[in-house]
């Protein structure tokens, strides 16, 4: 019996020892997964943080660069840019080139010889128009001011000689009228017919007035011609240019707008230049027609003043001769 108890005791003791050793081991095994959870908690965002860190260079890969001061840096910037941005820059450059090509000078250079000749002629006509405008403005202002001053000076004159003395040596149409009246009175000395003298003097006055009208209207005919013909000349250049455009379309066998537009734009430029030459010419002609009409009214007043002075001299001559006859 004792042997049996001792044997059981020896068998239980090792089992208890093994159980006591197994309990801390199992506790450590149960706590072991918790430790990695605590350590792996900060590491969970690492997989997503890595792409974010990798994506950051994409956002900052195109740093803000200062504008290139030379053309050598432009190809390097285009090469470093992404493909869509590179294509956009190329499209912008192509658009800028097209805008430069559609400038008026480039259209003139690339136009046909006939269209070029039309444009040059219309440009010359526009230059002539502005030259006539400046010259006539100066001329009309001077002659109107001079004739008004002369009429004011002879307003109180009683004879042709007194009027000539008041005018002095200043040349004007009134001086020519007074000189013609005195010449007729001198050449008709001894003729008792006053009506004949006045008629001949009026004829001389008419010639002087018509000559002055022709002189003051000098250049207005050219303005009228430019204003009337410039639109048609420009239209001729446009028709010629459009014909050449249609011929180019038939040769290229395409109706693309990029092929059609340059020729039509060059043709329409001729019409535009024609209008630029014609519109000012018509405006200037109408203005000078009004101003010239006003000046010719002043010339008519001067002719009437010279005729009245001649009539006074004739009457004064007859009165003096009658008084001498009475004596």
C-alpha atoms as a PDB file:
ATOM      1  CA  UNK A   1       0.000   0.000   0.000  1.00  0.00           C
ATOM      2  CA  UNK A   2       2.726   2.383   0.955  1.00  0.00           C
ATOM      3  CA  UNK A   3       4.584   1.417  -2.135  1.00  0.00           C
ATOM      4  CA  UNK A   4       1.515   2.167  -4.178  1.00  0.00           C
ATOM      5  CA  UNK A   5       1.101   5.660  -2.590  1.00  0.00           C
ATOM      6  CA  UNK A   6       4.699   6.454  -3.079  1.00  0.00           C
ATOM      7  CA  UNK A   7       4.497   5.446  -6.669  1.00  0.00           C
ATOM      8  CA  UNK A   8       1.411   7.663  -7.217  1.00  0.00           C
ATOM      9  CA  UNK A   9       3.114  10.510  -5.428  1.00  0.00           C
ATOM     10  CA  UNK A  10       6.120  10.249  -7.701  1.00  0.00           C
ATOM     11  CA  UNK A  11       3.825  10.129 -10.709  1.00  0.00           C
ATOM     12  CA  UNK A  12       1.701  13.154  -9.668  1.00  0.00           C
ATOM     13  CA  UNK A  13       4.605  15.400  -8.737  1.00  0.00           C
ATOM     14  CA  UNK A  14       6.144  15.377 -12.223  1.00  0.00           C
ATOM     15  CA  UNK A  15       2.685  15.949 -13.725  1.00  0.00           C
ATOM     16  CA  UNK A  16       2.100  18.995 -11.479  1.00  0.00           C
ATOM     17  CA  UNK A  17       5.530  20.298 -12.377  1.00  0.00           C
ATOM     18  CA  UNK A  18       4.780  19.967 -16.070  1.00  0.00           C
ATOM     19  CA  UNK A  19       1.381  21.656 -15.555  1.00  0.00           C
ATOM     20  CA  UNK A  20       2.972  24.595 -13.715  1.00  0.00           C
ATOM     21  CA  UNK A  21       5.478  25.006 -16.511  1.00  0.00           C
ATOM     22  CA  UNK A  22       2.814  24.722 -19.213  1.00  0.00           C
ATOM     23  CA  UNK A  23       0.562  27.436 -17.663  1.00  0.00           C
ATOM     24  CA  UNK A  24       3.047  30.398 -18.075  1.00  0.00           C
ATOM     25  CA  UNK A  25       3.899  29.180 -21.559  1.00  0.00           C
ATOM     26  CA  UNK A  26       0.240  29.090 -22.594  1.00  0.00           C
ATOM     27  CA  UNK A  27      -0.278  32.574 -21.057  1.00  0.00           C
ATOM     28  CA  UNK A  28       2.662  33.902 -23.007  1.00  0.00           C
ATOM     29  CA  UNK A  29       1.291  32.308 -26.170  1.00  0.00           C
ATOM     30  CA  UNK A  30      -2.118  33.941 -25.539  1.00  0.00           C
ATOM     31  CA  UNK A  31      -0.541  37.367 -24.939  1.00  0.00           C
ATOM     32  CA  UNK A  32       1.883  37.125 -27.843  1.00  0.00           C
ATOM     33  CA  UNK A  33      -0.627  38.097 -30.608  1.00  0.00           C
ATOM     34  CA  UNK A  34      -1.618  41.232 -28.653  1.00  0.00           C
ATOM     35  CA  UNK A  35       1.874  42.664 -28.749  1.00  0.00           C
ATOM     36  CA  UNK A  36       2.139  42.713 -32.558  1.00  0.00           C
ATOM     37  CA  UNK A  37      -1.294  44.399 -32.738  1.00  0.00           C
ATOM     38  CA  UNK A  38      -0.030  47.249 -30.577  1.00  0.00           C
ATOM     39  CA  UNK A  39       3.169  47.534 -32.619  1.00  0.00           C
ATOM     40  CA  UNK A  40       1.480  47.133 -36.001  1.00  0.00           C
ATOM     41  CA  UNK A  41      -1.179  49.791 -35.309  1.00  0.00           C
ATOM     42  CA  UNK A  42       1.058  52.717 -36.411  1.00  0.00           C
ATOM     43  CA  UNK A  43       2.322  50.651 -39.331  1.00  0.00           C
ATOM     44  CA  UNK A  44      -1.139  50.149 -40.870  1.00  0.00           C
ATOM     45  CA  UNK A  45      -1.030  53.469 -42.884  1.00  0.00           C
ATOM     46  CA  UNK A  46       2.440  52.652 -44.216  1.00  0.00           C
ATOM     47  CA  UNK A  47       1.217  50.882 -47.375  1.00  0.00           C
ATOM     48  CA  UNK A  48      -0.940  53.929 -48.276  1.00  0.00           C
ATOM     49  CA  UNK A  49       1.727  56.387 -47.136  1.00  0.00           C
ATOM     50  CA  UNK A  50       4.223  54.950 -49.560  1.00  0.00           C
ATOM     51  CA  UNK A  51       2.102  55.775 -52.650  1.00  0.00           C
ATOM     52  CA  UNK A  52       1.376  59.202 -51.201  1.00  0.00           C
ATOM     53  CA  UNK A  53       5.069  59.833 -50.797  1.00  0.00           C
ATOM     54  CA  UNK A  54       5.624  58.520 -54.278  1.00  0.00           C
ATOM     55  CA  UNK A  55       2.854  60.730 -55.658  1.00  0.00           C
ATOM     56  CA  UNK A  56       4.283  63.854 -54.092  1.00  0.00           C
ATOM     57  CA  UNK A  57       7.121  64.106 -56.618  1.00  0.00           C
ATOM     58  CA  UNK A  58       4.488  64.038 -59.408  1.00  0.00           C
ATOM     59  CA  UNK A  59       2.833  67.103 -57.950  1.00  0.00           C
ATOM     60  CA  UNK A  60       6.097  68.928 -57.411  1.00  0.00           C
ATOM     61  CA  UNK A  61       7.820  67.496 -60.428  1.00  0.00           C
ATOM     62  CA  UNK A  62       6.817  70.648 -62.343  1.00  0.00           C
ATOM     63  CA  UNK A  63       8.229  73.396 -60.117  1.00  0.00           C
ATOM     64  CA  UNK A  64       7.451  76.976 -60.940  1.00  0.00           C
ATOM     65  CA  UNK A  65      10.271  78.019 -63.196  1.00  0.00           C
ATOM     66  CA  UNK A  66      11.134  81.612 -63.992  1.00  0.00           C
ATOM     67  CA  UNK A  67      10.342  82.708 -67.578  1.00  0.00           C
ATOM     68  CA  UNK A  68      13.089  81.686 -69.943  1.00  0.00           C
ATOM     69  CA  UNK A  69      15.109  84.574 -71.253  1.00  0.00           C
ATOM     70  CA  UNK A  70      16.419  82.732 -74.267  1.00  0.00           C
ATOM     71  CA  UNK A  71      15.052  80.327 -76.808  1.00  0.00           C
ATOM     72  CA  UNK A  72      17.471  77.594 -75.654  1.00  0.00           C
ATOM     73  CA  UNK A  73      15.504  76.882 -72.461  1.00  0.00           C
ATOM     74  CA  UNK A  74      12.167  76.414 -74.313  1.00  0.00           C
ATOM     75  CA  UNK A  75      12.991  73.001 -75.841  1.00  0.00           C
ATOM     76  CA  UNK A  76      14.217  71.721 -72.451  1.00  0.00           C
ATOM     77  CA  UNK A  77      10.984  72.838 -70.764  1.00  0.00           C
ATOM     78  CA  UNK A  78       8.894  71.203 -73.506  1.00  0.00           C
ATOM     79  CA  UNK A  79      10.861  67.984 -73.188  1.00  0.00           C
ATOM     80  CA  UNK A  80      10.464  67.914 -69.389  1.00  0.00           C
ATOM     81  CA  UNK A  81       6.697  68.613 -69.559  1.00  0.00           C
ATOM     82  CA  UNK A  82       4.155  65.802 -69.751  1.00  0.00           C
ATOM     83  CA  UNK A  83       2.833  64.751 -73.145  1.00  0.00           C
ATOM     84  CA  UNK A  84      -0.575  66.566 -72.892  1.00  0.00           C
ATOM     85  CA  UNK A  85       1.056  69.797 -71.796  1.00  0.00           C
ATOM     86  CA  UNK A  86       3.639  69.486 -74.553  1.00  0.00           C
ATOM     87  CA  UNK A  87       0.897  69.076 -77.131  1.00  0.00           C
ATOM     88  CA  UNK A  88      -0.953  72.105 -75.748  1.00  0.00           C
ATOM     89  CA  UNK A  89       2.159  74.245 -76.061  1.00  0.00           C
ATOM     90  CA  UNK A  90       2.678  73.112 -79.615  1.00  0.00           C
ATOM     91  CA  UNK A  91      -0.927  74.007 -80.474  1.00  0.00           C
ATOM     92  CA  UNK A  92      -0.489  77.467 -78.949  1.00  0.00           C
ATOM     93  CA  UNK A  93       2.693  78.007 -80.960  1.00  0.00           C
ATOM     94  CA  UNK A  94       0.916  76.906 -84.137  1.00  0.00           C
ATOM     95  CA  UNK A  95      -1.971  79.298 -83.416  1.00  0.00           C
ATOM     96  CA  UNK A  96       0.472  82.171 -82.877  1.00  0.00           C
ATOM     97  CA  UNK A  97       2.160  81.390 -86.191  1.00  0.00           C
ATOM     98  CA  UNK A  98      -1.209  81.386 -87.946  1.00  0.00           C
ATOM     99  CA  UNK A  99      -2.090  84.754 -86.410  1.00  0.00           C
ATOM    100  CA  UNK A 100       1.177  86.210 -87.649  1.00  0.00           C
ATOM    101  CA  UNK A 101       0.523  84.794 -91.085  1.00  0.00           C
ATOM    102  CA  UNK A 102      -2.894  86.522 -91.267  1.00  0.00           C
ATOM    103  CA  UNK A 103      -1.548  90.009 -90.610  1.00  0.00           C
ATOM    104  CA  UNK A 104      -2.246  92.593 -93.359  1.00  0.00           C
ATOM    105  CA  UNK A 105       1.397  92.771 -94.403  1.00  0.00           C
ATOM    106  CA  UNK A 106       1.771  88.998 -94.699  1.00  0.00           C
ATOM    107  CA  UNK A 107      -1.458  88.826 -96.701  1.00  0.00           C
ATOM    108  CA  UNK A 108      -0.149  91.542 -99.023  1.00  0.00           C
ATOM    109  CA  UNK A 109       3.172  89.749 -99.499  1.00  0.00           C
ATOM    110  CA  UNK A 110       1.495  86.423-100.295  1.00  0.00           C
ATOM    111  CA  UNK A 111      -1.127  87.956-102.621  1.00  0.00           C
ATOM    112  CA  UNK A 112      -1.196  87.631-106.394  1.00  0.00           C
ATOM    113  CA  UNK A 113       0.655  90.152-108.592  1.00  0.00           C
ATOM    114  CA  UNK A 114      -2.583  91.700-109.861  1.00  0.00           C
ATOM    115  CA  UNK A 115      -3.993  91.992-106.343  1.00  0.00           C
ATOM    116  CA  UNK A 116      -0.726  93.564-105.184  1.00  0.00           C
ATOM    117  CA  UNK A 117      -0.909  96.129-107.995  1.00  0.00           C
ATOM    118  CA  UNK A 118      -4.497  96.981-107.016  1.00  0.00           C
ATOM    119  CA  UNK A 119      -3.521  97.411-103.357  1.00  0.00           C
ATOM    120  CA  UNK A 120      -0.554  99.629-104.205  1.00  0.00           C
ATOM    121  CA  UNK A 121      -2.697 101.797-106.487  1.00  0.00           C
ATOM    122  CA  UNK A 122      -5.387 102.195-103.847  1.00  0.00           C
ATOM    123  CA  UNK A 123      -2.800 103.047-101.193  1.00  0.00           C
ATOM    124  CA  UNK A 124      -1.377 105.732-103.505  1.00  0.00           C
ATOM    125  CA  UNK A 125      -4.891 107.082-104.118  1.00  0.00           C
ATOM    126  CA  UNK A 126      -5.444 107.295-100.363  1.00  0.00           C
ATOM    127  CA  UNK A 127      -2.172 109.222 -99.999  1.00  0.00           C
ATOM    128  CA  UNK A 128      -3.256 111.643-102.743  1.00  0.00           C
ATOM    129  CA  UNK A 129      -6.617 112.132-101.004  1.00  0.00           C
ATOM    130  CA  UNK A 130      -5.035 113.142 -97.718  1.00  0.00           C
ATOM    131  CA  UNK A 131      -2.517 115.394 -99.488  1.00  0.00           C
ATOM    132  CA  UNK A 132      -5.311 117.260-101.309  1.00  0.00           C
ATOM    133  CA  UNK A 133      -7.240 117.545 -98.061  1.00  0.00           C
ATOM    134  CA  UNK A 134      -4.371 119.216 -96.234  1.00  0.00           C
ATOM    135  CA  UNK A 135      -3.557 121.536 -99.158  1.00  0.00           C
ATOM    136  CA  UNK A 136      -7.166 122.630 -99.726  1.00  0.00           C
ATOM    137  CA  UNK A 137      -7.809 123.237 -96.039  1.00  0.00           C
ATOM    138  CA  UNK A 138      -4.846 125.626 -95.908  1.00  0.00           C
ATOM    139  CA  UNK A 139      -5.674 127.305 -99.232  1.00  0.00           C
ATOM    140  CA  UNK A 140      -9.375 127.887 -98.543  1.00  0.00           C
ATOM    141  CA  UNK A 141      -8.756 129.253 -95.076  1.00  0.00           C
ATOM    142  CA  UNK A 142      -6.194 131.738 -96.432  1.00  0.00           C
ATOM    143  CA  UNK A 143      -8.226 133.001 -99.411  1.00  0.00           C
ATOM    144  CA  UNK A 144     -11.436 133.373 -97.396  1.00  0.00           C
ATOM    145  CA  UNK A 145      -9.697 135.346 -94.663  1.00  0.00           C
ATOM    146  CA  UNK A 146      -7.909 137.532 -97.222  1.00  0.00           C
ATOM    147  CA  UNK A 147     -11.052 138.302 -99.245  1.00  0.00           C
ATOM    148  CA  UNK A 148     -13.120 139.150 -96.163  1.00  0.00           C
ATOM    149  CA  UNK A 149     -10.421 141.548 -94.972  1.00  0.00           C
ATOM    150  CA  UNK A 150     -10.264 143.184 -98.430  1.00  0.00           C
ATOM    151  CA  UNK A 151     -14.037 143.692 -98.544  1.00  0.00           C
ATOM    152  CA  UNK A 152     -13.925 145.309 -95.131  1.00  0.00           C
ATOM    153  CA  UNK A 153     -11.172 147.674 -96.284  1.00  0.00           C
ATOM    154  CA  UNK A 154     -13.058 148.967 -99.354  1.00  0.00           C
ATOM    155  CA  UNK A 155     -16.410 149.179 -97.617  1.00  0.00           C
ATOM    156  CA  UNK A 156     -16.020 152.977 -97.209  1.00  0.00           C
ATOM    157  CA  UNK A 157     -14.159 153.621-100.492  1.00  0.00           C
ATOM    158  CA  UNK A 158     -15.814 156.143-102.855  1.00  0.00           C
ATOM    159  CA  UNK A 159     -13.878 155.412-106.044  1.00  0.00           C
ATOM    160  CA  UNK A 160     -11.803 152.745-107.723  1.00  0.00           C
ATOM    161  CA  UNK A 161      -8.590 154.615-107.038  1.00  0.00           C
ATOM    162  CA  UNK A 162      -9.425 154.980-103.374  1.00  0.00           C
ATOM    163  CA  UNK A 163     -10.264 151.287-103.140  1.00  0.00           C
ATOM    164  CA  UNK A 164      -6.985 150.295-104.767  1.00  0.00           C
ATOM    165  CA  UNK A 165      -5.099 152.549-102.390  1.00  0.00           C
ATOM    166  CA  UNK A 166      -6.881 150.946 -99.416  1.00  0.00           C
ATOM    167  CA  UNK A 167      -6.004 147.437-100.570  1.00  0.00           C
ATOM    168  CA  UNK A 168      -2.360 148.211-101.218  1.00  0.00           C
ATOM    169  CA  UNK A 169      -0.148 145.701-102.977  1.00  0.00           C
ATOM    170  CA  UNK A 170      -1.842 142.617-101.524  1.00  0.00           C
ATOM    171  CA  UNK A 171      -2.891 140.274-104.281  1.00  0.00           C
ATOM    172  CA  UNK A 172      -6.455 138.993-104.156  1.00  0.00           C
ATOM    173  CA  UNK A 173      -9.349 138.427-106.491  1.00  0.00           C
ATOM    174  CA  UNK A 174     -10.767 141.801-105.457  1.00  0.00           C
ATOM    175  CA  UNK A 175      -7.581 143.517-106.617  1.00  0.00           C
ATOM    176  CA  UNK A 176      -7.982 141.812-110.003  1.00  0.00           C
ATOM    177  CA  UNK A 177     -11.608 143.005-110.237  1.00  0.00           C
ATOM    178  CA  UNK A 178     -10.683 146.590-109.402  1.00  0.00           C
ATOM    179  CA  UNK A 179      -7.828 146.515-111.911  1.00  0.00           C
ATOM    180  CA  UNK A 180     -10.166 145.200-114.622  1.00  0.00           C
ATOM    181  CA  UNK A 181     -12.701 147.965-113.869  1.00  0.00           C
ATOM    182  CA  UNK A 182     -10.072 150.731-114.073  1.00  0.00           C
ATOM    183  CA  UNK A 183      -8.651 149.270-117.264  1.00  0.00           C
ATOM    184  CA  UNK A 184     -12.078 149.238-118.900  1.00  0.00           C
ATOM    185  CA  UNK A 185     -12.782 152.787-117.742  1.00  0.00           C
ATOM    186  CA  UNK A 186      -9.454 153.969-119.149  1.00  0.00           C
ATOM    187  CA  UNK A 187      -9.923 152.154-122.477  1.00  0.00           C
ATOM    188  CA  UNK A 188     -13.467 153.506-122.803  1.00  0.00           C
ATOM    189  CA  UNK A 189     -12.441 157.111-122.263  1.00  0.00           C
ATOM    190  CA  UNK A 190     -14.352 159.462-124.570  1.00  0.00           C
ATOM    191  CA  UNK A 191     -17.295 157.062-124.934  1.00  0.00           C
ATOM    192  CA  UNK A 192     -20.510 158.515-123.598  1.00  0.00           C
ATOM    193  CA  UNK A 193     -22.390 155.212-123.330  1.00  0.00           C
ATOM    194  CA  UNK A 194     -22.217 154.141-119.698  1.00  0.00           C
ATOM    195  CA  UNK A 195     -24.223 151.001-120.379  1.00  0.00           C
ATOM    196  CA  UNK A 196     -21.607 149.752-122.838  1.00  0.00           C
ATOM    197  CA  UNK A 197     -18.811 150.399-120.347  1.00  0.00           C
ATOM    198  CA  UNK A 198     -20.639 148.565-117.559  1.00  0.00           C
ATOM    199  CA  UNK A 199     -21.430 145.661-119.874  1.00  0.00           C
ATOM    200  CA  UNK A 200     -17.830 145.272-120.924  1.00  0.00           C
ATOM    201  CA  UNK A 201     -16.684 145.550-117.306  1.00  0.00           C
ATOM    202  CA  UNK A 202     -19.232 142.905-116.250  1.00  0.00           C
ATOM    203  CA  UNK A 203     -17.865 140.605-118.955  1.00  0.00           C
ATOM    204  CA  UNK A 204     -14.357 141.062-117.590  1.00  0.00           C
ATOM    205  CA  UNK A 205     -15.642 140.434-114.074  1.00  0.00           C
ATOM    206  CA  UNK A 206     -17.296 137.203-115.231  1.00  0.00           C
ATOM    207  CA  UNK A 207     -14.031 135.931-116.712  1.00  0.00           C
ATOM    208  CA  UNK A 208     -12.170 136.699-113.501  1.00  0.00           C
ATOM    209  CA  UNK A 209     -14.820 134.974-111.373  1.00  0.00           C
ATOM    210  CA  UNK A 210     -14.822 131.868-113.561  1.00  0.00           C
ATOM    211  CA  UNK A 211     -11.023 131.708-113.496  1.00  0.00           C
ATOM    212  CA  UNK A 212     -11.083 132.000-109.704  1.00  0.00           C
ATOM    213  CA  UNK A 213     -13.711 129.237-109.498  1.00  0.00           C
ATOM    214  CA  UNK A 214     -11.555 126.922-111.618  1.00  0.00           C
ATOM    215  CA  UNK A 215      -8.521 127.696-109.486  1.00  0.00           C
ATOM    216  CA  UNK A 216     -10.257 127.152-106.161  1.00  0.00           C
ATOM    217  CA  UNK A 217     -11.811 123.855-107.339  1.00  0.00           C
ATOM    218  CA  UNK A 218      -8.453 122.468-108.401  1.00  0.00           C
ATOM    219  CA  UNK A 219      -8.044 118.955-106.966  1.00  0.00           C
ATOM    220  CA  UNK A 220     -11.722 118.421-106.200  1.00  0.00           C
ATOM    221  CA  UNK A 221     -12.231 116.542-109.441  1.00  0.00           C
ATOM    222  CA  UNK A 222      -9.501 114.124-108.402  1.00  0.00           C
ATOM    223  CA  UNK A 223     -11.242 113.625-105.052  1.00  0.00           C
ATOM    224  CA  UNK A 224     -14.498 112.865-106.840  1.00  0.00           C
ATOM    225  CA  UNK A 225     -12.755 110.387-109.136  1.00  0.00           C
ATOM    226  CA  UNK A 226     -11.068 108.575-106.242  1.00  0.00           C
ATOM    227  CA  UNK A 227     -14.281 108.432-104.242  1.00  0.00           C
ATOM    228  CA  UNK A 228     -16.255 107.051-107.178  1.00  0.00           C
ATOM    229  CA  UNK A 229     -13.793 104.496-108.556  1.00  0.00           C
ATOM    230  CA  UNK A 230     -11.854 103.182-105.536  1.00  0.00           C
ATOM    231  CA  UNK A 231     -14.575 100.743-104.359  1.00  0.00           C
ATOM    232  CA  UNK A 232     -14.824  99.242-107.837  1.00  0.00           C
ATOM    233  CA  UNK A 233     -11.061  98.932-108.159  1.00  0.00           C
ATOM    234  CA  UNK A 234     -10.951  97.182-104.795  1.00  0.00           C
ATOM    235  CA  UNK A 235     -13.815  94.933-105.888  1.00  0.00           C
ATOM    236  CA  UNK A 236     -11.846  94.006-109.002  1.00  0.00           C
ATOM    237  CA  UNK A 237      -8.910  92.955-106.814  1.00  0.00           C
ATOM    238  CA  UNK A 238     -11.273  90.923-104.626  1.00  0.00           C
ATOM    239  CA  UNK A 239     -12.817  89.117-107.593  1.00  0.00           C
ATOM    240  CA  UNK A 240      -9.383  88.341-108.994  1.00  0.00           C
ATOM    241  CA  UNK A 241      -8.160  87.013-105.651  1.00  0.00           C
ATOM    242  CA  UNK A 242     -11.241  84.807-105.168  1.00  0.00           C
ATOM    243  CA  UNK A 243     -10.767  83.403-108.659  1.00  0.00           C
ATOM    244  CA  UNK A 244      -7.211  82.443-107.740  1.00  0.00           C
ATOM    245  CA  UNK A 245      -8.483  80.894-104.497  1.00  0.00           C
ATOM    246  CA  UNK A 246     -10.954  78.729-106.385  1.00  0.00           C
ATOM    247  CA  UNK A 247      -8.226  77.659-108.768  1.00  0.00           C
ATOM    248  CA  UNK A 248      -6.045  76.689-105.782  1.00  0.00           C
ATOM    249  CA  UNK A 249      -8.945  74.714-104.290  1.00  0.00           C
ATOM    250  CA  UNK A 250      -9.436  72.791-107.520  1.00  0.00           C
ATOM    251  CA  UNK A 251      -5.728  72.001-107.716  1.00  0.00           C
ATOM    252  CA  UNK A 252      -5.477  70.861-104.099  1.00  0.00           C
ATOM    253  CA  UNK A 253      -8.765  68.929-104.392  1.00  0.00           C
ATOM    254  CA  UNK A 254      -9.783  69.867-100.869  1.00  0.00           C
ATOM    255  CA  UNK A 255     -12.323  72.193 -99.300  1.00  0.00           C
ATOM    256  CA  UNK A 256     -10.473  72.546 -96.020  1.00  0.00           C
ATOM    257  CA  UNK A 257     -10.923  75.975 -94.468  1.00  0.00           C
ATOM    258  CA  UNK A 258      -7.179  76.265 -93.862  1.00  0.00           C
ATOM    259  CA  UNK A 259      -6.676  76.099 -97.646  1.00  0.00           C
ATOM    260  CA  UNK A 260      -9.550  78.389 -98.612  1.00  0.00           C
ATOM    261  CA  UNK A 261      -9.277  81.104 -95.947  1.00  0.00           C
ATOM    262  CA  UNK A 262      -5.886  82.699 -96.826  1.00  0.00           C
ATOM    263  CA  UNK A 263      -6.779  83.403-100.451  1.00  0.00           C
ATOM    264  CA  UNK A 264     -10.189  84.824 -99.593  1.00  0.00           C
ATOM    265  CA  UNK A 265      -8.690  87.000 -96.837  1.00  0.00           C
ATOM    266  CA  UNK A 266      -6.111  88.379 -99.277  1.00  0.00           C
ATOM    267  CA  UNK A 267      -8.863  89.117-101.795  1.00  0.00           C
ATOM    268  CA  UNK A 268     -11.050  90.904 -99.244  1.00  0.00           C
ATOM    269  CA  UNK A 269      -8.082  93.027 -98.188  1.00  0.00           C
ATOM    270  CA  UNK A 270      -8.219  94.741-101.592  1.00  0.00           C
ATOM    271  CA  UNK A 271     -11.842  95.744-101.017  1.00  0.00           C
ATOM    272  CA  UNK A 272     -10.985  97.024 -97.543  1.00  0.00           C
ATOM    273  CA  UNK A 273      -8.188  99.228 -98.925  1.00  0.00           C
ATOM    274  CA  UNK A 274     -10.553 100.485-101.634  1.00  0.00           C
ATOM    275  CA  UNK A 275     -13.070 101.566 -99.015  1.00  0.00           C
ATOM    276  CA  UNK A 276     -10.313 103.196 -96.956  1.00  0.00           C
ATOM    277  CA  UNK A 277      -9.397 105.281-100.020  1.00  0.00           C
ATOM    278  CA  UNK A 278     -12.963 106.031-101.154  1.00  0.00           C
ATOM    279  CA  UNK A 279     -14.740 107.010 -97.926  1.00  0.00           C
ATOM    280  CA  UNK A 280     -12.410 109.913 -96.967  1.00  0.00           C
ATOM    281  CA  UNK A 281     -12.374 111.130-100.583  1.00  0.00           C
ATOM    282  CA  UNK A 282     -16.177 111.402-100.685  1.00  0.00           C
ATOM    283  CA  UNK A 283     -16.301 113.129 -97.284  1.00  0.00           C
ATOM    284  CA  UNK A 284     -13.581 115.628 -98.243  1.00  0.00           C
ATOM    285  CA  UNK A 285     -15.223 116.369-101.597  1.00  0.00           C
ATOM    286  CA  UNK A 286     -18.570 117.192 -99.987  1.00  0.00           C
ATOM    287  CA  UNK A 287     -16.875 119.380 -97.381  1.00  0.00           C
ATOM    288  CA  UNK A 288     -14.854 121.318 -99.955  1.00  0.00           C
ATOM    289  CA  UNK A 289     -17.935 121.726-102.158  1.00  0.00           C
ATOM    290  CA  UNK A 290     -19.695 123.553 -99.305  1.00  0.00           C
ATOM    291  CA  UNK A 291     -16.654 125.660 -98.433  1.00  0.00           C
ATOM    292  CA  UNK A 292     -16.026 126.541-102.084  1.00  0.00           C
ATOM    293  CA  UNK A 293     -19.620 127.621-102.516  1.00  0.00           C
ATOM    294  CA  UNK A 294     -19.248 129.999 -99.584  1.00  0.00           C
ATOM    295  CA  UNK A 295     -16.028 131.386-101.027  1.00  0.00           C
ATOM    296  CA  UNK A 296     -17.592 131.950-104.444  1.00  0.00           C
ATOM    297  CA  UNK A 297     -20.357 133.952-102.748  1.00  0.00           C
ATOM    298  CA  UNK A 298     -17.638 136.207-101.350  1.00  0.00           C
ATOM    299  CA  UNK A 299     -16.170 136.523-104.846  1.00  0.00           C
ATOM    300  CA  UNK A 300     -19.611 137.547-106.127  1.00  0.00           C
ATOM    301  CA  UNK A 301     -19.766 140.230-103.439  1.00  0.00           C
ATOM    302  CA  UNK A 302     -16.341 141.463-104.536  1.00  0.00           C
ATOM    303  CA  UNK A 303     -17.478 141.649-108.161  1.00  0.00           C
ATOM    304  CA  UNK A 304     -20.551 143.642-107.158  1.00  0.00           C
ATOM    305  CA  UNK A 305     -18.409 146.021-105.101  1.00  0.00           C
ATOM    306  CA  UNK A 306     -16.090 146.645-108.048  1.00  0.00           C
ATOM    307  CA  UNK A 307     -19.079 147.253-110.340  1.00  0.00           C
ATOM    308  CA  UNK A 308     -20.598 149.783-107.936  1.00  0.00           C
ATOM    309  CA  UNK A 309     -17.315 151.677-107.659  1.00  0.00           C
ATOM    310  CA  UNK A 310     -17.054 151.776-111.469  1.00  0.00           C
ATOM    311  CA  UNK A 311     -20.604 153.093-111.730  1.00  0.00           C
ATOM    312  CA  UNK A 312     -19.827 155.866-109.212  1.00  0.00           C
ATOM    313  CA  UNK A 313     -16.748 156.889-111.161  1.00  0.00           C
ATOM    314  CA  UNK A 314     -18.728 157.028-114.402  1.00  0.00           C
ATOM    315  CA  UNK A 315     -21.477 159.112-112.849  1.00  0.00           C
ATOM    316  CA  UNK A 316     -18.926 161.376-111.248  1.00  0.00           C
ATOM    317  CA  UNK A 317     -17.215 161.826-114.626  1.00  0.00           C
ATOM    318  CA  UNK A 318     -20.481 162.811-116.321  1.00  0.00           C
ATOM    319  CA  UNK A 319     -21.283 165.285-113.546  1.00  0.00           C
ATOM    320  CA  UNK A 320     -17.868 166.933-113.829  1.00  0.00           C
ATOM    321  CA  UNK A 321     -18.085 167.104-117.627  1.00  0.00           C
ATOM    322  CA  UNK A 322     -21.594 168.596-117.410  1.00  0.00           C
ATOM    323  CA  UNK A 323     -20.460 171.256-114.968  1.00  0.00           C
ATOM    324  CA  UNK A 324     -17.565 172.171-117.260  1.00  0.00           C
ATOM    325  CA  UNK A 325     -19.980 172.389-120.206  1.00  0.00           C
ATOM    326  CA  UNK A 326     -22.277 174.690-118.192  1.00  0.00           C
ATOM    327  CA  UNK A 327     -19.416 176.968-117.436  1.00  0.00           C
END
